[in-house]
Protein backbone atom coordinates (compact mmCIF):
# COMPACT_ATOMS: atom_id res chain seq x y z
CA MET A 1 3.73 -32.92 -0.18
CA SER A 2 4.89 -31.18 -3.13
CA GLY A 3 4.17 -27.21 -3.63
CA ASN A 4 1.66 -25.58 -6.35
CA ILE A 5 3.87 -24.33 -8.93
CA GLN A 6 1.69 -26.18 -11.30
CA LEU A 7 -1.66 -24.70 -10.32
CA LEU A 8 0.26 -20.97 -10.35
CA SER A 9 0.67 -21.80 -14.28
CA ASP A 10 -2.45 -23.32 -14.85
CA THR A 11 -4.10 -20.00 -13.53
CA LEU A 12 -2.05 -17.79 -15.59
CA ALA A 13 -2.56 -20.06 -18.58
CA GLY A 14 -6.20 -20.16 -17.70
CA ALA A 15 -6.61 -15.92 -17.66
CA LYS A 16 -4.48 -15.89 -21.01
CA ALA A 17 -7.18 -18.53 -22.48
CA GLU A 18 -10.07 -16.04 -21.54
CA GLY A 19 -7.95 -13.26 -23.28
CA ARG A 20 -7.28 -11.24 -20.12
CA SER A 21 -4.26 -10.53 -17.76
CA ALA A 22 -4.49 -12.52 -14.31
CA LEU A 23 -5.25 -10.20 -11.07
CA ILE A 24 -2.26 -10.82 -8.60
CA ALA A 25 -3.05 -9.12 -4.80
CA TYR A 26 -0.26 -8.31 -2.22
CA LEU A 27 -0.64 -8.76 1.62
CA PRO A 28 1.53 -8.88 4.14
CA ALA A 29 1.28 -11.51 6.97
CA GLY A 30 0.21 -10.66 10.49
CA PHE A 31 -1.13 -7.52 9.35
CA PRO A 32 -3.18 -5.96 11.00
CA THR A 33 -3.02 -9.47 12.83
CA VAL A 34 -2.20 -12.97 11.94
CA ASP A 35 -6.29 -13.80 11.92
CA GLY A 36 -7.07 -10.48 10.70
CA GLY A 37 -4.60 -10.78 7.61
CA ILE A 38 -5.99 -14.26 6.80
CA ASP A 39 -9.60 -12.83 6.32
CA ALA A 40 -8.23 -9.83 4.31
CA ILE A 41 -6.71 -12.69 1.85
CA LYS A 42 -9.61 -14.37 1.36
CA ALA A 43 -11.75 -11.55 0.84
CA VAL A 44 -9.12 -10.20 -1.82
CA PHE A 45 -9.83 -13.93 -3.72
CA ASP A 46 -13.59 -13.59 -3.02
CA GLY A 47 -13.56 -10.44 -4.72
CA GLY A 48 -11.47 -11.47 -7.83
CA ALA A 49 -8.11 -11.80 -7.55
CA ASP A 50 -6.16 -14.94 -9.13
CA ILE A 51 -3.24 -15.18 -7.17
CA VAL A 52 -2.54 -13.62 -3.82
CA GLU A 53 1.38 -13.09 -2.73
CA VAL A 54 1.95 -13.14 0.87
CA GLY A 55 4.39 -10.55 2.54
CA LEU A 56 6.96 -11.86 5.13
CA PRO A 57 7.27 -8.62 6.82
CA HIS A 58 10.98 -7.34 7.14
CA SER A 59 12.53 -4.60 9.14
CA ASP A 60 14.45 -3.05 6.84
CA PRO A 61 12.05 -3.34 3.59
CA VAL A 62 14.16 -1.50 1.40
CA LEU A 63 12.09 -2.32 -1.58
CA ASP A 64 9.11 -1.26 -0.62
CA GLY A 65 6.99 2.40 -0.53
CA PRO A 66 6.03 3.85 2.79
CA VAL A 67 2.53 2.17 2.86
CA ILE A 68 3.96 -1.51 2.81
CA GLN A 69 6.37 -0.72 5.58
CA THR A 70 3.72 0.98 7.58
CA ALA A 71 2.10 -2.31 7.61
CA ASP A 72 4.82 -4.22 7.83
CA ASP A 73 6.00 -2.18 11.42
CA ILE A 74 2.11 -3.61 12.50
CA ALA A 75 2.63 -6.78 11.87
CA LEU A 76 6.53 -6.86 13.51
CA ARG A 77 4.93 -5.05 16.32
CA GLY A 78 2.56 -7.69 16.62
CA GLY A 79 5.28 -10.40 16.73
CA VAL A 80 4.62 -12.05 13.41
CA LYS A 81 7.03 -15.05 12.98
CA ILE A 82 7.72 -17.24 9.77
CA ALA A 83 5.27 -19.99 11.24
CA ASP A 84 2.28 -17.26 10.65
CA VAL A 85 3.59 -16.90 7.06
CA MET A 86 3.08 -20.57 6.65
CA ARG A 87 -0.10 -20.62 8.16
CA THR A 88 -1.61 -17.48 6.26
CA VAL A 89 -0.59 -19.57 2.94
CA ARG A 90 -1.92 -22.81 4.29
CA GLU A 91 -5.10 -21.11 5.28
CA ALA A 92 -5.35 -18.89 2.26
CA TYR A 93 -4.80 -21.68 -0.05
CA GLU A 94 -7.10 -24.40 2.02
CA ALA A 95 -10.00 -21.80 1.59
CA THR A 96 -9.95 -21.14 -2.08
CA GLY A 97 -7.55 -23.66 -3.63
CA LYS A 98 -6.10 -20.69 -5.34
CA PRO A 99 -2.30 -19.92 -5.77
CA VAL A 100 -0.34 -18.03 -2.95
CA LEU A 101 3.04 -17.24 -2.80
CA VAL A 102 5.36 -15.87 -0.53
CA MET A 103 7.11 -12.07 -1.27
CA THR A 104 9.96 -12.34 0.79
CA TYR A 105 13.62 -11.04 1.12
CA TRP A 106 16.54 -13.11 1.14
CA ASN A 107 17.58 -12.69 4.49
CA PRO A 108 15.06 -14.18 6.58
CA ILE A 109 15.24 -17.28 4.28
CA ASP A 110 19.04 -17.74 4.64
CA ARG A 111 18.54 -17.45 8.58
CA TYR A 112 15.73 -19.95 8.69
CA GLY A 113 17.40 -22.53 6.55
CA VAL A 114 16.57 -22.98 2.59
CA GLU A 115 15.36 -26.65 2.96
CA ARG A 116 13.17 -25.88 5.87
CA PHE A 117 11.41 -23.11 4.71
CA THR A 118 10.99 -24.62 1.11
CA ALA A 119 9.43 -27.65 2.72
CA GLU A 120 7.45 -25.87 5.02
CA LEU A 121 6.16 -23.97 2.37
CA ALA A 122 5.24 -26.73 -0.36
CA GLN A 123 3.95 -28.39 2.81
CA ALA A 124 1.11 -25.59 3.47
CA GLY A 125 0.06 -25.37 -0.34
CA GLY A 126 2.46 -22.27 -0.99
CA ALA A 127 3.02 -22.08 -4.98
CA GLY A 128 6.47 -20.28 -4.90
CA CYS A 129 8.40 -17.68 -3.52
CA ILE A 130 8.93 -14.11 -4.97
CA LEU A 131 12.54 -12.88 -4.22
CA PRO A 132 13.36 -9.53 -4.73
CA ASP A 133 16.79 -8.90 -3.82
CA LEU A 134 18.02 -12.51 -4.25
CA PRO A 135 20.88 -12.30 -7.33
CA VAL A 136 20.34 -14.89 -9.88
CA GLN A 137 24.12 -15.71 -9.85
CA GLU A 138 23.67 -16.73 -5.89
CA SER A 139 20.10 -18.53 -6.16
CA ALA A 140 21.35 -22.18 -7.14
CA LEU A 141 20.82 -23.76 -3.77
CA TRP A 142 17.41 -21.82 -3.34
CA ARG A 143 16.52 -23.19 -6.67
CA GLU A 144 17.34 -26.36 -6.12
CA HIS A 145 15.64 -26.89 -3.22
CA ALA A 146 12.61 -25.07 -4.80
CA GLU A 147 12.33 -27.51 -7.67
CA LYS A 148 12.49 -30.31 -5.60
CA HIS A 149 9.54 -29.43 -3.76
CA GLY A 150 7.49 -28.03 -6.60
CA LEU A 151 7.69 -24.22 -5.86
CA ALA A 152 8.06 -21.71 -8.06
CA THR A 153 10.68 -19.25 -8.10
CA VAL A 154 10.00 -15.83 -9.31
CA PHE A 155 12.87 -13.01 -9.95
CA VAL A 156 12.44 -9.40 -10.32
CA VAL A 157 13.14 -7.35 -13.65
CA ALA A 158 13.60 -3.83 -13.62
CA PRO A 159 13.49 -1.24 -16.74
CA SER A 160 17.30 -0.57 -16.07
CA SER A 161 17.98 -4.30 -16.41
CA ARG A 162 19.87 -4.59 -19.77
CA ASP A 163 18.61 -7.45 -22.23
CA ALA A 164 21.86 -9.98 -21.30
CA ARG A 165 20.66 -9.47 -17.72
CA LEU A 166 16.58 -10.13 -18.58
CA ALA A 167 17.71 -13.44 -20.30
CA GLU A 168 19.87 -14.55 -17.30
CA ILE A 169 16.88 -13.68 -15.31
CA THR A 170 14.57 -15.21 -16.91
CA GLY A 171 16.12 -18.52 -17.86
CA ALA A 172 16.55 -19.14 -14.14
CA GLY A 173 13.12 -18.34 -13.17
CA SER A 174 9.84 -20.14 -13.24
CA GLY A 175 6.13 -19.52 -12.36
CA PHE A 176 6.13 -16.16 -14.00
CA VAL A 177 8.68 -12.69 -13.89
CA TYR A 178 8.09 -9.60 -12.07
CA ALA A 179 8.27 -6.60 -14.13
CA ALA A 180 8.77 -4.14 -11.50
CA SER A 181 7.85 -0.48 -12.34
CA LEU A 182 6.73 2.50 -11.08
CA MET A 183 3.76 4.56 -11.76
CA GLY A 184 3.71 8.68 -11.10
CA VAL A 185 6.80 8.87 -9.05
CA THR A 186 9.11 9.80 -11.74
CA GLY A 187 7.79 11.47 -14.85
CA THR A 188 4.81 11.16 -16.14
CA ARG A 189 1.91 8.35 -15.69
CA ALA A 190 2.34 7.74 -19.54
CA SER A 191 5.93 7.62 -19.85
CA VAL A 192 6.41 5.21 -17.27
CA GLY A 193 3.47 3.17 -18.36
CA ALA A 194 5.37 3.22 -21.99
CA GLN A 195 8.58 2.39 -19.83
CA ALA A 196 6.66 -0.69 -18.32
CA GLN A 197 5.38 -1.91 -21.42
CA ASP A 198 8.94 -1.78 -23.16
CA LEU A 199 10.13 -3.78 -20.27
CA VAL A 200 7.39 -6.39 -20.87
CA GLN A 201 8.66 -6.65 -24.38
CA ARG A 202 11.76 -6.78 -23.89
CA THR A 203 11.46 -9.59 -21.14
CA ARG A 204 9.05 -11.43 -23.20
CA GLY A 205 12.12 -11.03 -26.27
CA THR A 206 14.20 -13.37 -24.31
CA GLY A 207 12.08 -16.42 -25.30
CA THR A 208 11.40 -18.34 -22.11
CA GLY A 209 7.63 -17.99 -22.58
CA LEU A 210 7.37 -17.26 -19.09
CA PRO A 211 4.38 -14.90 -18.30
CA VAL A 212 5.80 -11.34 -17.57
CA CYS A 213 3.31 -9.48 -14.52
CA VAL A 214 3.80 -5.95 -13.91
CA GLY A 215 4.08 -4.28 -10.41
CA LEU A 216 3.40 -0.74 -11.30
CA GLY A 217 1.51 1.15 -8.79
CA VAL A 218 -2.12 0.21 -10.18
CA SER A 219 -4.73 1.58 -7.66
CA ASP A 220 -7.97 0.90 -9.74
CA ALA A 221 -9.53 -0.63 -12.58
CA ALA A 222 -8.37 2.04 -15.51
CA GLN A 223 -4.79 1.57 -14.42
CA ALA A 224 -5.56 -2.54 -14.41
CA ALA A 225 -7.16 -1.99 -17.53
CA GLU A 226 -4.39 0.12 -19.43
CA VAL A 227 -1.26 -2.42 -17.82
CA ALA A 228 -3.81 -5.57 -18.66
CA GLY A 229 -3.25 -4.11 -22.25
CA PHE A 230 0.21 -5.22 -22.79
CA ALA A 231 1.21 -7.81 -19.18
CA ASP A 232 0.43 -11.30 -18.69
CA GLY A 233 -0.74 -10.71 -14.74
CA VAL A 234 -1.52 -6.88 -12.96
CA ILE A 235 0.32 -6.86 -9.43
CA VAL A 236 -1.45 -4.62 -6.84
CA GLY A 237 0.27 -4.24 -3.38
CA SER A 238 -0.05 -0.92 -1.84
CA ALA A 239 -3.87 0.21 -2.93
CA PHE A 240 -4.87 -3.14 -1.03
CA VAL A 241 -2.62 -1.92 2.33
CA LYS A 242 -3.89 1.15 2.08
CA ARG A 243 -7.75 0.46 2.19
CA MET A 244 -6.82 -1.71 5.33
CA LEU A 245 -4.99 1.26 6.93
CA ASP A 246 -7.62 3.45 5.88
CA ALA A 247 -10.41 1.45 7.16
CA PRO A 248 -12.15 2.68 10.63
CA ASP A 249 -12.10 -1.24 12.00
CA HIS A 250 -10.93 -4.62 10.48
CA ALA A 251 -14.28 -5.79 9.07
CA ALA A 252 -14.36 -2.53 7.23
CA GLY A 253 -11.18 -2.89 5.90
CA VAL A 254 -12.00 -6.78 4.84
CA GLU A 255 -15.18 -5.75 3.02
CA ALA A 256 -12.80 -2.60 1.43
CA VAL A 257 -10.31 -5.04 -0.05
CA ARG A 258 -12.68 -7.20 -1.24
CA GLU A 259 -14.58 -4.07 -3.59
CA LEU A 260 -11.14 -3.41 -4.71
CA ALA A 261 -10.10 -6.77 -5.90
CA ALA A 262 -13.84 -6.95 -7.52
CA ASP A 263 -13.08 -3.53 -9.19
CA LEU A 264 -9.82 -4.55 -10.18
CA ALA A 265 -11.34 -7.64 -11.48
CA LYS A 266 -13.15 -5.83 -14.10
CA GLY A 267 -10.16 -3.62 -14.82
CA VAL A 268 -8.10 -6.63 -16.20
CA ARG A 269 -11.17 -8.06 -17.67
CA GLY A 270 -11.63 -4.83 -20.00
CA SER A 271 -15.44 -4.18 -18.33
CA ALA A 272 -14.51 -1.49 -16.02
């Protein structure tokens, strides 16, 4: 079975044809449990997310903030395995028919085996992988297997990336480019928003035509609308995880992420 890179591309193109950004949600597998995580992902799709990134929990998530680290810790204490991540992808895709990617550090894939991981992800109906810590120059083996199995390879760019590096990354990637920036951590939100907008423009300037989706610490419809004004996709992670963590019980958490997705979906449509 081939993976769903085409579904991912069609979904992003469809949002563009509607004159809006795609809403991309992130939730870790196995959080709060494997079944509970699947429920939450289905709810996020139900609320209006176009695409979901399933996080593969990692014991040393160096690029994630405290909220996602807490969720990863809960998932790992619950004994989450790569097989559970694949099951999460399969059940989310089969229930919705929408694109589901895995976001993971390189080390778990390296240990599991690239061929095995890509084959299983494609078989589960996955659309691809976001690989935040895999250097492009070391990615040939991964890309060969991903391409063979119909999976997108999504690389991450940052405001610190120079133009030549952006060209190298966008030339090697597929599906979309993940532009990572932080809102409200360094400097004012306005200046960081401008920094992200500059990053999107520079990434588009490489001429590959890949959509550029922004992970910017967005947590509400107004911020989603702001980012949607310049990006092809708005990626939201911590805000969903926080809703789950803050909920008094699982059912309330599922309802909370469904409501947040609906709110953000209005934002990316400019109807918040």
